[in-house]
Amino acid sequence: MDNPSTNGAPPRVDLEQVAHLVEQLERDLARVRAGGATVDTLRAEVEQLRQALAAADPHGEVHEGLHGVRERLGAVSDELLGDALKGSDYITRIGRILGLG
């Protein structure tokens, strides 16, 4: 069997772990007061990630979606109010899921 990292395909991710992460992100984002466009964009990206999980072969879409959410979390960390969302915790967890650290 080919190793996905050597044939150009994104590495497989633990979809159950991603689904749990998406649920937590959605709960935390619901507690964030209506913020700027960046927070709304993050909400949309989390929803796209949820939809990707339902695809027939979700690994490529989920991998790409995780990268997008991770980047967006880094961009909005200053915008997030209070402790409703701990962006750095999510960034670390997504990095682990993606095998980045």
Protein backbone atom coordinates (compact mmCIF):
# COMPACT_ATOMS: atom_id res chain seq x y z
CA MET A 1 0.00 0.00 0.00
CA ASP A 2 1.28 3.47 -0.88
CA ASN A 3 2.12 5.90 1.88
CA PRO A 4 -0.14 8.94 1.30
CA SER A 5 2.65 11.35 2.15
CA THR A 6 4.81 9.99 -0.67
CA ASN A 7 2.21 10.01 -3.45
CA GLY A 8 1.10 13.63 -3.06
CA ALA A 9 -2.13 12.90 -1.20
CA PRO A 10 -2.67 14.53 2.17
CA PRO A 11 -2.03 12.24 5.13
CA ARG A 12 -5.07 10.63 6.69
CA VAL A 13 -6.43 12.31 9.78
CA ASP A 14 -8.43 10.86 12.66
CA LEU A 15 -11.95 11.84 11.58
CA GLU A 16 -13.45 11.09 14.99
CA GLN A 17 -10.95 13.47 16.59
CA VAL A 18 -11.78 16.13 13.98
CA ALA A 19 -15.54 15.71 14.56
CA HIS A 20 -15.02 16.21 18.30
CA LEU A 21 -12.88 19.29 17.65
CA VAL A 22 -15.55 20.75 15.32
CA GLU A 23 -18.23 20.25 17.98
CA GLN A 24 -16.11 22.05 20.58
CA LEU A 25 -15.29 24.89 18.20
CA GLU A 26 -18.95 25.36 17.34
CA ARG A 27 -19.91 25.49 21.02
CA ASP A 28 -17.15 27.99 21.80
CA LEU A 29 -17.91 30.15 18.77
CA ALA A 30 -21.56 30.31 19.83
CA ARG A 31 -20.38 32.00 23.04
CA VAL A 32 -18.29 34.61 21.21
CA ARG A 33 -20.19 37.85 20.86
CA ALA A 34 -20.93 38.87 17.31
CA GLY A 35 -17.57 40.14 16.27
CA GLY A 36 -15.96 41.23 13.10
CA ALA A 37 -15.92 39.62 9.72
CA THR A 38 -12.95 37.47 10.76
CA VAL A 39 -14.97 35.66 13.43
CA ASP A 40 -17.83 35.17 10.98
CA THR A 41 -15.36 33.74 8.46
CA LEU A 42 -14.07 31.33 11.11
CA ARG A 43 -17.64 30.21 11.80
CA ALA A 44 -18.14 29.57 8.07
CA GLU A 45 -14.89 27.60 7.84
CA VAL A 46 -15.88 25.43 10.81
CA GLU A 47 -19.22 24.74 9.10
CA GLN A 48 -17.40 23.79 5.87
CA LEU A 49 -15.21 21.43 7.89
CA ARG A 50 -18.35 19.83 9.38
CA GLN A 51 -19.72 19.33 5.85
CA ALA A 52 -16.41 17.87 4.67
CA LEU A 53 -16.65 15.25 7.41
CA ALA A 54 -19.86 14.00 5.78
CA ALA A 55 -18.24 13.47 2.35
CA ALA A 56 -17.79 9.96 0.95
CA ASP A 57 -13.98 10.20 1.18
CA PRO A 58 -13.45 13.20 3.44
CA HIS A 59 -9.73 12.98 4.18
CA GLY A 60 -8.48 15.46 1.56
CA GLU A 61 -11.20 18.03 2.25
CA VAL A 62 -10.86 17.64 6.02
CA HIS A 63 -7.08 18.03 5.83
CA GLU A 64 -7.43 21.22 3.79
CA GLY A 65 -10.23 22.50 6.05
CA LEU A 66 -8.13 21.95 9.17
CA HIS A 67 -5.33 24.03 7.68
CA GLY A 68 -7.79 26.83 6.92
CA VAL A 69 -9.32 26.80 10.40
CA ARG A 70 -5.87 26.72 11.98
CA GLU A 71 -4.75 29.77 9.99
CA ARG A 72 -7.99 31.64 10.74
CA LEU A 73 -7.67 30.91 14.46
CA GLY A 74 -4.23 32.47 14.40
CA ALA A 75 -5.65 35.55 12.70
CA VAL A 76 -8.60 36.01 15.08
CA SER A 77 -6.90 35.28 18.40
CA ASP A 78 -6.64 39.01 19.16
CA GLU A 79 -10.30 39.57 18.25
CA LEU A 80 -11.72 36.89 20.50
CA LEU A 81 -13.15 38.27 23.66
CA GLY A 82 -12.63 36.74 27.09
CA ASP A 83 -12.08 33.05 27.49
CA ALA A 84 -14.89 32.00 25.17
CA LEU A 85 -12.39 30.61 22.70
CA LYS A 86 -8.82 29.68 23.40
CA GLY A 87 -7.37 29.93 19.92
CA SER A 88 -3.90 28.76 20.84
CA ASP A 89 -5.30 25.54 22.36
CA TYR A 90 -7.17 24.78 19.17
CA ILE A 91 -4.17 25.65 16.99
CA THR A 92 -2.05 23.19 18.98
CA ARG A 93 -4.69 20.44 18.76
CA ILE A 94 -5.17 20.93 15.01
CA GLY A 95 -1.39 20.81 14.54
CA ARG A 96 -1.29 17.46 16.35
CA ILE A 97 -4.14 16.08 14.23
CA LEU A 98 -2.30 17.17 11.08
CA GLY A 99 0.95 15.68 12.36
CA LEU A 100 2.65 19.06 12.62
CA GLY A 101 3.77 18.84 16.18
